[in-house]
Protein backbone atom coordinates (compact mmCIF):
# COMPACT_ATOMS: atom_id res chain seq x y z
CA MET A 1 -3.17 -2.02 12.69
CA LYS A 2 0.08 0.04 13.12
CA ALA A 3 0.35 3.34 14.92
CA ILE A 4 3.74 4.99 13.12
CA TRP A 5 5.55 8.18 14.47
CA LYS A 6 8.81 9.33 13.23
CA ASP A 7 9.10 5.98 10.83
CA THR A 8 9.17 3.81 14.38
CA VAL A 9 6.17 1.54 14.77
CA ILE A 10 4.61 2.13 18.14
CA ALA A 11 1.94 0.30 18.28
CA GLU A 12 0.71 -2.92 16.37
CA SER A 13 -2.67 -4.89 16.56
CA ASN A 14 -5.38 -6.44 14.21
CA LYS A 15 -8.03 -6.15 16.98
CA THR A 16 -8.39 -2.19 17.28
CA ILE A 17 -11.73 -0.52 18.19
CA VAL A 18 -13.07 2.53 16.36
CA VAL A 19 -14.70 4.98 18.20
CA GLU A 20 -15.28 8.39 16.42
CA GLY A 21 -12.58 7.30 13.49
CA ASN A 22 -10.12 6.65 16.18
CA HIS A 23 -8.06 3.78 16.43
CA TYR A 24 -7.93 2.33 20.02
CA PHE A 25 -5.73 -0.11 20.49
CA PRO A 26 -4.81 -2.76 22.87
CA PRO A 27 -2.85 -2.20 26.05
CA ASP A 28 -0.42 -4.68 25.24
CA SER A 29 0.06 -3.87 21.91
CA ILE A 30 1.67 -0.75 22.97
CA LYS A 31 5.40 -0.53 23.38
CA GLN A 32 5.93 1.20 26.35
CA GLU A 33 9.32 1.77 26.02
CA PHE A 34 8.04 4.67 23.92
CA PHE A 35 5.81 6.75 26.21
CA LYS A 36 5.83 8.74 29.21
CA GLU A 37 2.64 9.22 31.22
CA SER A 38 1.75 12.68 30.99
CA ASP A 39 -0.14 14.90 33.75
CA THR A 40 -2.48 16.04 30.73
CA GLN A 41 -6.77 15.20 31.85
CA THR A 42 -9.37 16.24 29.80
CA SER A 43 -13.07 15.22 29.55
CA CYS A 44 -15.71 13.53 27.58
CA PRO A 45 -19.19 13.77 28.07
CA TRP A 46 -19.74 9.79 27.51
CA LYS A 47 -16.43 8.72 27.42
CA GLY A 48 -15.46 10.16 31.30
CA LYS A 49 -11.69 11.59 31.80
CA ALA A 50 -9.12 10.94 29.89
CA SER A 51 -4.90 10.67 31.01
CA TYR A 52 -2.58 11.12 27.78
CA LYS A 53 1.12 9.72 27.27
CA THR A 54 3.77 11.71 25.62
CA ILE A 55 6.07 9.84 22.80
CA LEU A 56 9.15 9.67 22.96
CA ILE A 57 11.23 8.74 20.09
CA ASN A 58 15.36 9.71 19.44
CA GLY A 59 15.36 12.50 21.83
CA GLN A 60 12.45 14.09 20.32
CA ALA A 61 8.88 14.37 21.95
CA ASN A 62 5.43 14.19 21.05
CA LYS A 63 3.58 15.30 23.81
CA ASP A 64 0.34 14.21 24.54
CA ALA A 65 0.01 12.50 21.39
CA ALA A 66 -1.66 9.10 23.01
CA TRP A 67 -4.99 8.75 25.23
CA TYR A 68 -6.75 6.01 26.81
CA TYR A 69 -9.43 6.21 29.55
CA SER A 70 -8.66 4.03 32.38
CA ASP A 71 -12.02 4.15 34.34
CA PRO A 72 -14.34 5.11 31.23
CA LYS A 73 -18.20 5.66 31.99
CA GLU A 74 -20.17 2.57 31.33
CA LYS A 75 -20.68 3.12 27.20
CA ALA A 76 -17.10 3.57 26.80
CA GLU A 77 -16.36 0.14 29.03
CA SER A 78 -14.99 -1.52 25.42
CA ILE A 79 -12.25 1.05 25.33
CA LYS A 80 -10.63 0.90 29.38
CA ASN A 81 -7.37 1.58 28.93
CA TYR A 82 -6.78 0.93 25.12
CA VAL A 83 -4.84 4.15 23.72
CA ALA A 84 -5.43 6.28 20.72
CA PHE A 85 -3.55 8.42 18.86
CA TRP A 86 -3.31 11.95 17.17
CA ASN A 87 -1.07 14.82 16.46
CA GLY A 88 1.08 13.25 13.24
CA VAL A 89 1.02 9.89 14.59
CA LYS A 90 -0.09 7.87 11.31
CA ILE A 91 -2.40 5.16 11.56
CA VAL A 92 -1.40 2.14 8.91
CA GLU A 93 -3.54 -0.92 8.11
CA LEU A 94 -1.90 -4.35 8.51
CA PRO A 95 -2.05 -6.61 5.51
CA ASN A 96 -3.63 -10.03 6.56
CA LEU A 97 -1.89 -13.04 6.63
CA ALA A 98 -2.78 -14.20 2.85
CA GLU A 99 -1.40 -11.12 1.46
CA GLN A 100 1.62 -11.22 3.79
CA PHE A 101 2.22 -14.67 2.36
CA LYS A 102 2.44 -13.44 -0.83
CA ALA A 103 4.07 -10.59 -0.82
CA THR A 104 6.32 -12.43 0.89
CA ARG A 105 6.98 -15.12 -1.70
CA LYS A 106 7.46 -12.33 -4.43
CA TYR A 107 9.84 -10.37 -2.46
CA SER A 108 12.44 -13.15 -2.95
CA GLU A 109 12.00 -13.69 -6.20
CA ASP A 110 12.35 -9.87 -7.12
CA LEU A 111 15.46 -9.92 -4.80
CA CYS A 112 16.91 -12.47 -7.43
CA ALA A 113 15.42 -10.68 -10.61
CA PRO A 114 18.78 -9.32 -11.43
CA LEU A 115 21.07 -12.23 -11.39
CA GLU A 116 22.17 -14.03 -14.36
CA ILE A 117 21.33 -17.56 -14.79
CA GLU A 118 24.90 -18.46 -13.50
CA ASP A 119 25.05 -16.43 -10.30
CA TYR A 120 22.05 -18.71 -9.12
CA VAL A 121 24.69 -21.72 -8.29
CA VAL A 122 28.00 -20.84 -7.11
CA GLN A 123 28.89 -20.96 -3.64
CA PRO A 124 32.13 -19.30 -3.05
CA SER A 125 32.41 -19.90 0.59
CA ASN A 126 30.73 -22.25 3.02
CA ASN A 127 28.78 -19.67 4.53
CA VAL A 128 27.20 -18.68 1.50
CA SER A 129 24.38 -20.49 0.23
CA PRO A 130 23.52 -20.65 -3.63
CA PRO A 131 20.33 -17.82 -4.71
CA ARG A 132 18.55 -21.20 -5.96
CA TRP A 133 18.99 -23.18 -2.73
CA HIS A 134 17.13 -20.24 -0.44
CA LEU A 135 14.45 -20.04 -3.14
CA ALA A 136 14.13 -23.52 -2.86
CA HIS A 137 14.31 -24.27 0.61
CA THR A 138 12.39 -21.62 1.75
CA THR A 139 9.63 -23.59 0.01
CA TRP A 140 10.67 -26.36 1.11
CA PHE A 141 9.73 -25.35 4.86
CA PHE A 142 6.29 -24.51 3.57
CA GLU A 143 5.79 -28.17 1.89
CA TYR A 144 7.49 -29.88 4.98
CA PHE A 145 6.39 -28.40 7.82
CA ILE A 146 2.66 -27.24 6.38
CA LEU A 147 1.16 -29.38 3.28
CA LYS A 148 3.01 -32.75 4.44
CA GLU A 149 2.16 -32.32 7.77
CA HIS A 150 -1.28 -31.34 7.69
CA GLN A 151 -3.02 -31.61 4.31
CA ARG A 152 -5.04 -35.41 4.14
CA GLY A 153 -3.54 -37.10 1.64
CA TYR A 154 -0.64 -34.77 0.56
CA GLU A 155 1.68 -36.17 -2.15
CA GLU A 156 5.16 -34.75 -2.05
CA TYR A 157 6.05 -32.56 -5.08
CA ASN A 158 9.49 -34.20 -5.22
CA GLU A 159 10.33 -36.83 -2.89
CA GLN A 160 14.27 -36.10 -3.38
CA TYR A 161 14.00 -32.08 -2.23
CA ASN A 162 13.19 -32.96 1.34
CA PHE A 163 16.98 -34.39 0.88
CA LEU A 164 18.14 -31.94 -1.19
CA PHE A 165 16.48 -28.84 0.48
CA ASN A 166 16.64 -29.60 4.14
CA SER A 167 19.17 -26.81 5.89
CA TYR A 168 19.59 -28.59 8.90
CA TYR A 169 16.27 -29.92 10.69
CA ASN A 170 17.15 -33.64 11.74
CA PHE A 171 13.56 -34.24 12.65
CA LYS A 172 12.64 -33.96 8.62
CA GLY A 173 15.36 -36.65 7.84
CA ASP A 174 19.05 -35.94 6.11
CA MET A 175 20.41 -33.16 3.91
CA VAL A 176 23.19 -32.53 1.56
CA ALA A 177 26.13 -30.99 3.72
CA ARG A 178 25.87 -27.26 3.63
CA VAL A 179 29.38 -26.88 2.34
CA SER A 180 28.26 -28.63 -0.98
CA ARG A 181 25.36 -27.02 -1.75
CA GLY A 182 27.16 -25.48 -4.79
CA PHE A 183 27.88 -28.76 -5.99
CA MET A 184 24.06 -29.50 -7.19
CA THR A 185 23.91 -28.87 -10.80
CA ARG A 186 19.74 -30.17 -10.69
CA PRO A 187 17.13 -29.17 -10.28
CA THR A 188 17.58 -26.30 -12.64
CA VAL A 189 16.90 -22.78 -11.54
CA LYS A 190 13.74 -23.43 -13.88
CA GLN A 191 12.50 -26.29 -11.73
CA VAL A 192 13.17 -24.62 -8.20
CA TYR A 193 11.10 -21.62 -9.75
CA GLU A 194 8.01 -24.47 -11.12
CA TYR A 195 8.69 -25.82 -7.35
CA ARG A 196 7.75 -22.48 -6.14
CA THR A 197 5.07 -21.82 -7.75
CA ALA A 198 3.40 -25.26 -7.22
CA ILE A 199 3.67 -24.49 -3.40
CA THR A 200 2.54 -21.17 -3.25
CA GLU A 201 -0.29 -21.92 -5.05
CA LYS A 202 -1.07 -24.42 -2.79
CA ILE A 203 -0.50 -22.77 0.54
CA ALA A 204 -2.46 -20.12 -0.69
CA GLN A 205 -5.30 -22.14 -1.40
CA LEU A 206 -4.87 -23.49 2.17
CA LEU A 207 -5.17 -20.16 3.57
CA ALA A 208 -8.49 -19.50 1.41
CA GLU A 209 -10.09 -22.47 3.13
CA ASN A 210 -10.17 -21.01 7.06
CA PRO A 211 -7.32 -23.03 7.76
CA SER A 212 -6.95 -23.85 11.90
CA GLU A 213 -4.66 -21.90 14.35
CA GLU A 214 -1.96 -24.35 14.14
CA ILE A 215 -1.78 -23.50 9.83
CA LEU A 216 -2.03 -20.19 10.86
CA LYS A 217 1.26 -19.98 13.06
CA LEU A 218 2.79 -22.56 10.69
CA VAL A 219 2.56 -19.81 7.70
CA GLU A 220 3.44 -17.11 9.72
CA ILE A 221 6.39 -18.66 11.29
CA GLY A 222 7.00 -19.83 7.60
CA ILE A 223 6.91 -16.27 6.30
CA ASN A 224 9.44 -14.89 8.87
CA HIS A 225 12.03 -18.20 8.23
CA GLU A 226 11.66 -16.55 4.43
CA GLN A 227 12.39 -12.96 5.73
CA GLN A 228 15.16 -14.18 7.08
CA HIS A 229 16.33 -15.64 4.32
CA GLN A 230 16.11 -12.74 2.23
CA GLU A 231 18.58 -10.68 3.84
CA LEU A 232 20.82 -14.11 3.93
CA LEU A 233 20.18 -13.86 0.06
CA ALA A 234 21.61 -9.92 0.15
CA TYR A 235 24.63 -11.41 1.83
CA ASP A 236 25.33 -13.81 -0.11
CA ILE A 237 24.74 -12.29 -3.33
CA LYS A 238 27.06 -9.13 -2.59
CA TYR A 239 29.39 -12.08 -1.47
CA ILE A 240 29.03 -13.96 -4.61
CA LEU A 241 29.74 -10.60 -7.22
CA GLY A 242 32.03 -8.87 -4.73
CA THR A 243 34.67 -11.47 -4.76
CA GLN A 244 34.88 -11.89 -7.98
CA PRO A 245 37.85 -9.66 -9.84
CA THR A 246 35.66 -7.06 -11.88
CA PHE A 247 33.29 -6.03 -9.38
CA PRO A 248 30.03 -6.70 -11.46
CA LYS A 249 26.95 -4.50 -10.29
CA PHE A 250 23.66 -5.46 -8.96
CA GLU A 251 20.55 -3.75 -9.36
CA ASN A 252 20.48 -1.52 -6.34
CA ARG A 253 17.19 -1.22 -4.68
CA PHE A 254 18.43 -0.77 -0.86
CA PRO A 255 18.50 2.55 0.79
CA SER A 256 21.53 4.54 1.87
CA ILE A 257 22.96 4.22 5.15
CA THR A 258 24.60 7.84 5.64
CA GLU A 259 23.96 8.68 9.39
CA THR A 260 23.58 13.12 9.90
CA GLN A 261 23.21 13.37 13.57
CA SER A 262 26.13 14.43 15.48
CA GLU A 263 27.75 12.22 17.98
CA GLN A 264 25.89 12.37 21.31
CA TRP A 265 26.21 9.87 24.28
CA ILE A 266 22.79 8.67 25.63
CA ASP A 267 23.48 7.72 29.60
CA ILE A 268 21.37 5.35 31.00
CA THR A 269 20.60 5.42 34.92
CA GLU A 270 21.42 2.31 37.06
CA GLY A 271 18.56 -0.02 37.55
CA VAL A 272 16.74 -3.28 36.98
CA TYR A 273 15.37 -3.13 33.26
CA GLU A 274 13.06 -5.71 31.71
CA ILE A 275 14.00 -7.30 28.09
CA GLY A 276 12.47 -9.87 25.78
CA PHE A 277 9.21 -9.80 24.15
CA ASP A 278 5.97 -9.39 26.07
CA LYS A 279 3.60 -7.83 23.11
CA LYS A 280 0.80 -9.38 20.79
CA GLY A 281 2.23 -10.26 17.13
CA PHE A 282 5.07 -12.61 16.36
CA CYS A 283 8.33 -13.21 17.46
CA PHE A 284 10.93 -16.07 17.50
CA ASP A 285 10.97 -18.26 20.69
CA ASN A 286 14.76 -16.68 21.53
CA GLU A 287 13.04 -13.14 22.58
CA LYS A 288 11.17 -15.25 25.10
CA PRO A 289 10.76 -14.69 27.91
CA ARG A 290 10.37 -11.25 28.85
CA HIS A 291 12.93 -10.97 31.95
CA LYS A 292 14.44 -8.43 34.87
CA VAL A 293 18.20 -7.32 34.29
CA TYR A 294 20.36 -5.41 36.41
CA LEU A 295 22.66 -2.56 35.18
CA GLU A 296 24.70 -0.62 36.26
CA ALA A 297 24.88 2.92 34.86
CA PHE A 298 26.50 3.33 31.34
CA SER A 299 26.89 5.34 28.22
CA ILE A 300 26.02 4.54 24.55
CA CYS A 301 27.01 6.32 21.42
CA ASN A 302 23.72 7.68 19.58
CA LYS A 303 25.67 7.10 16.37
CA LEU A 304 27.49 3.99 14.54
CA VAL A 305 31.39 3.78 14.00
CA THR A 306 31.63 5.50 10.49
CA ASN A 307 34.48 4.40 7.46
CA GLY A 308 36.91 7.40 8.51
CA GLU A 309 37.32 6.22 12.17
CA PHE A 310 37.75 2.36 11.10
CA ALA A 311 40.25 3.94 8.63
CA ALA A 312 42.21 5.42 11.65
CA PHE A 313 42.38 2.26 12.82
CA ILE A 314 43.90 0.36 10.22
CA GLU A 315 46.32 3.58 9.47
CA ASP A 316 47.44 3.25 13.15
CA LYS A 317 48.49 -0.80 12.68
CA GLY A 318 45.61 -1.55 14.75
CA TYR A 319 45.95 -5.16 12.52
CA LYS A 320 48.85 -5.38 13.44
CA THR A 321 48.70 -4.57 17.20
CA HIS A 322 48.37 -8.11 19.16
CA HIS A 323 47.41 -6.77 22.15
CA LEU A 324 43.77 -5.08 20.73
CA TRP A 325 42.49 -8.36 19.85
CA HIS A 326 41.10 -11.66 21.60
CA SER A 327 43.40 -14.87 21.55
CA GLU A 328 41.77 -16.47 19.41
CA ALA A 329 41.05 -13.14 16.97
CA TRP A 330 44.69 -12.52 17.13
CA GLU A 331 45.15 -16.16 15.42
CA TYR A 332 42.29 -15.68 12.97
CA VAL A 333 43.51 -12.56 11.72
CA ASN A 334 46.59 -14.02 11.17
CA THR A 335 45.96 -16.91 9.65
CA HIS A 336 43.48 -15.39 7.31
CA GLN A 337 45.68 -12.30 6.78
CA LEU A 338 43.09 -9.59 7.26
CA ASP A 339 44.51 -6.06 7.31
CA ALA A 340 41.14 -4.40 6.05
CA PRO A 341 37.05 -4.99 6.38
CA LEU A 342 35.74 -7.16 3.96
CA TYR A 343 35.47 -5.77 0.32
CA TRP A 344 38.00 -3.17 1.11
CA HIS A 345 40.37 -2.69 -1.26
CA PHE A 346 43.81 0.10 -1.25
CA LYS A 347 43.84 1.50 -4.96
CA ASN A 348 45.85 4.29 -5.94
CA GLY A 349 46.47 5.55 -2.56
CA LYS A 350 42.96 5.69 -1.32
CA TRP A 351 40.30 3.14 0.13
CA HIS A 352 37.93 1.33 -1.55
CA THR A 353 35.25 -0.92 -1.09
CA TYR A 354 32.58 -3.21 -3.11
CA THR A 355 28.84 -2.00 -3.02
CA PHE A 356 25.92 -2.94 -5.08
CA ASN A 357 27.05 -0.30 -7.71
CA GLY A 358 30.47 -1.53 -7.84
CA LEU A 359 33.43 -0.36 -6.36
CA GLN A 360 33.67 3.06 -5.34
CA LYS A 361 35.89 4.90 -2.74
CA ILE A 362 35.11 5.04 1.08
CA ASP A 363 32.49 7.69 2.14
CA PRO A 364 34.27 8.39 5.50
CA ASP A 365 30.71 9.09 7.30
CA ALA A 366 29.01 6.56 6.64
CA PRO A 367 28.90 3.68 8.95
CA VAL A 368 31.40 1.52 8.56
CA MET A 369 30.36 -2.42 7.67
CA HIS A 370 31.75 -5.76 7.09
CA LEU A 371 32.99 -6.64 10.89
CA SER A 372 33.90 -9.73 12.54
CA PHE A 373 33.28 -9.27 16.28
CA TYR A 374 36.62 -9.84 16.68
CA GLU A 375 37.16 -6.64 14.37
CA ALA A 376 34.48 -4.95 16.37
CA ALA A 377 35.79 -5.42 19.62
CA ALA A 378 39.61 -5.16 18.66
CA PHE A 379 38.03 -1.47 17.51
CA ALA A 380 36.83 -0.30 20.86
CA GLU A 381 39.32 -1.72 22.23
CA TRP A 382 41.50 0.48 20.18
CA LYS A 383 39.10 3.61 21.18
CA GLY A 384 39.34 2.78 25.19
CA LEU A 385 35.76 1.89 24.76
CA ARG A 386 33.91 -1.25 24.94
CA LEU A 387 30.73 -3.02 22.88
CA PRO A 388 27.42 -2.95 24.79
CA THR A 389 25.57 -5.99 26.02
CA GLU A 390 22.47 -7.00 24.67
CA ALA A 391 20.54 -5.89 27.01
CA GLU A 392 22.13 -2.82 27.29
CA TRP A 393 21.61 -1.87 24.23
CA GLU A 394 17.86 -3.06 24.13
CA VAL A 395 17.28 -0.94 27.01
CA ALA A 396 18.99 1.69 24.80
CA SER A 397 17.45 1.27 21.90
CA PRO A 398 14.38 3.74 22.07
CA HIS A 399 16.99 7.27 22.46
CA PHE A 400 18.85 6.37 19.42
CA LYS A 401 17.94 5.28 15.74
CA TRP A 402 19.02 1.68 14.74
CA GLY A 403 18.05 -0.08 12.01
CA LYS A 404 21.51 0.57 9.41
CA LEU A 405 23.32 -2.19 10.37
CA TRP A 406 23.04 -5.31 12.30
CA GLU A 407 25.24 -4.27 15.60
CA TRP A 408 27.77 -6.51 17.35
CA THR A 409 27.18 -7.13 21.63
CA ASN A 410 29.19 -8.44 23.72
CA SER A 411 26.86 -11.20 24.67
CA ALA A 412 27.14 -14.51 24.00
CA TYR A 413 24.05 -16.16 21.95
CA LEU A 414 22.59 -18.07 25.50
CA PRO A 415 18.77 -18.97 26.20
CA TYR A 416 17.16 -16.36 28.40
CA PRO A 417 15.90 -17.52 31.90
CA GLY A 418 13.03 -19.97 31.19
CA PHE A 419 13.20 -20.39 28.04
CA LYS A 420 12.19 -23.38 26.29
CA LYS A 421 12.37 -24.99 23.04
CA GLU A 422 9.52 -26.06 20.76
CA ALA A 423 8.99 -29.70 20.45
CA GLY A 424 9.57 -31.74 17.35
CA ALA A 425 11.95 -29.73 14.32
CA LEU A 426 10.49 -26.14 15.28
CA GLY A 427 12.54 -26.81 18.21
CA GLU A 428 15.42 -27.08 16.16
CA TYR A 429 14.97 -23.34 14.76
CA ASN A 430 17.20 -21.63 17.39
CA GLY A 431 17.96 -23.55 20.88
CA LYS A 432 20.38 -25.77 19.55
CA PHE A 433 22.68 -23.14 18.23
CA MET A 434 22.84 -21.43 21.73
CA LEU A 435 26.76 -22.15 21.80
CA ASN A 436 29.89 -20.18 20.16
CA GLN A 437 27.84 -17.49 18.58
CA MET A 438 27.44 -13.80 19.47
CA VAL A 439 24.56 -11.99 19.69
CA LEU A 440 23.45 -8.24 17.04
CA LYS A 441 20.84 -6.31 17.75
CA GLY A 442 19.02 -4.04 15.42
CA ALA A 443 18.32 -4.37 12.37
CA SER A 444 19.95 -3.86 9.00
CA PHE A 445 18.80 -1.62 5.48
CA ALA A 446 18.06 -5.28 4.12
CA THR A 447 15.56 -6.63 6.66
CA PRO A 448 12.41 -6.92 4.97
CA GLU A 449 9.63 -4.26 6.25
CA ASN A 450 8.14 -5.32 9.64
CA HIS A 451 10.70 -7.82 10.13
CA GLU A 452 12.25 -5.74 12.55
CA ARG A 453 12.09 -4.86 16.69
CA PRO A 454 14.58 -4.55 19.09
CA THR A 455 13.61 -7.92 21.37
CA TYR A 456 15.51 -9.55 18.00
CA ARG A 457 18.11 -11.75 18.70
CA ASN A 458 20.45 -12.51 15.55
CA PHE A 459 23.06 -14.63 16.15
CA PHE A 460 26.56 -15.26 14.26
CA ASP A 461 29.87 -16.95 14.89
CA ALA A 462 32.37 -14.34 15.81
CA SER A 463 34.46 -14.34 12.54
CA SER A 464 31.74 -13.51 10.60
CA ARG A 465 32.27 -10.79 7.81
CA TRP A 466 29.63 -10.92 4.81
CA ILE A 467 26.24 -10.14 6.74
CA PHE A 468 25.34 -6.34 6.95
CA SER A 469 27.32 -5.93 10.83
CA GLY A 470 28.43 -2.37 12.19
CA VAL A 471 29.85 -1.42 15.87
CA ARG A 472 27.82 1.00 18.10
CA LEU A 473 30.01 1.78 21.24
CA ALA A 474 29.50 1.85 25.46
CA LYS A 475 31.34 2.89 28.25
CA LYS A 476 30.84 3.06 31.44
CA GLN A 477 29.53 6.54 32.89
């Protein structure tokens, strides 16, 4: 079950206890950053004295909307410290793992449905993978991490696919170079969809046969892995179409990213805080362990930088002013002759940008996107401000709305204190990339539902621009 208020998940568990029609959530399933203890108390004849919490999200308070019994009477001992909700908090049932698996597999195919057959196979950049490859690779993951390893007597669907659709898992064998994925014309798109159908059916059957905890864990990882590729699919499809001279339209299934709140600066006091994942439910290994960080007092903006603000940076010759840029960034800007964000085009005296609806005039009030870390840092320098660190962002995140765009931080992607890689191929998922990458926090409009959380650590090379990235500024108090 999920408890949701103001479109934010504040508790999540499949082990709630229902009493008098109310779902009581285990204490470790509560996202404590959204709660503040209240002085309010009430009394129940058979449960005992109830204490209350106020929910705080984006500066809005839902007073006494959560309650719990810290010292219940004997008949209510089973819900000791469990938390229930009222006053506008929605309780939503979680789908089971088999349903999540089927829905995830379907959504990848739904994303690709508007493509023409030619769109599936091209690779216009080393960073971009053909949609056909994404569809096959996410299927390969389920076949080679689950079926081949855990189903007795399993025979590979096609023994060549391990080489063709492995990405970077050296434990699983050799692989086609990333830059060569667009050179393959076989298997065909039709054959890849047949491969998907076959493996989806086998995993669904496995889930119906009371599988082990290890298999359930791997299926959950596979689901989250495919969700990551769904967002990558959105990036790559946009790049495939957005670099064509005719700027073709693509069926736009994504919401608007306009922000309507007035700009404010949120003050965070100096102190020792905790960051990292420590709840029930899924997370990637790079989000753990939860640990303490010391932060000096800082302020962070409640809004993302807009197109209009970035256009002013361009007008002020920001791309030509060397002292705004890191040395590596300045070399990159000049080598690649950058003068605007990716997909921006100056036509008839106006800035335009490529969107899934084709080439359109920029909306000056919408958040600017497709910026590299280089550009984000240079813009912050131009403003006399800075990017937040990932710890600052995570600590401050309950106080502003996030999830429109991934947000660059000023933190290198490094292991948390006490981080341990998984054994074998799963240990290659995150740990070996903890070098020469920068952390982005939040989520984007293309992040699949239920895949976002404030502890999530996305990471990309500092030059990356085809991702759905934006900028939130910070400053010293």
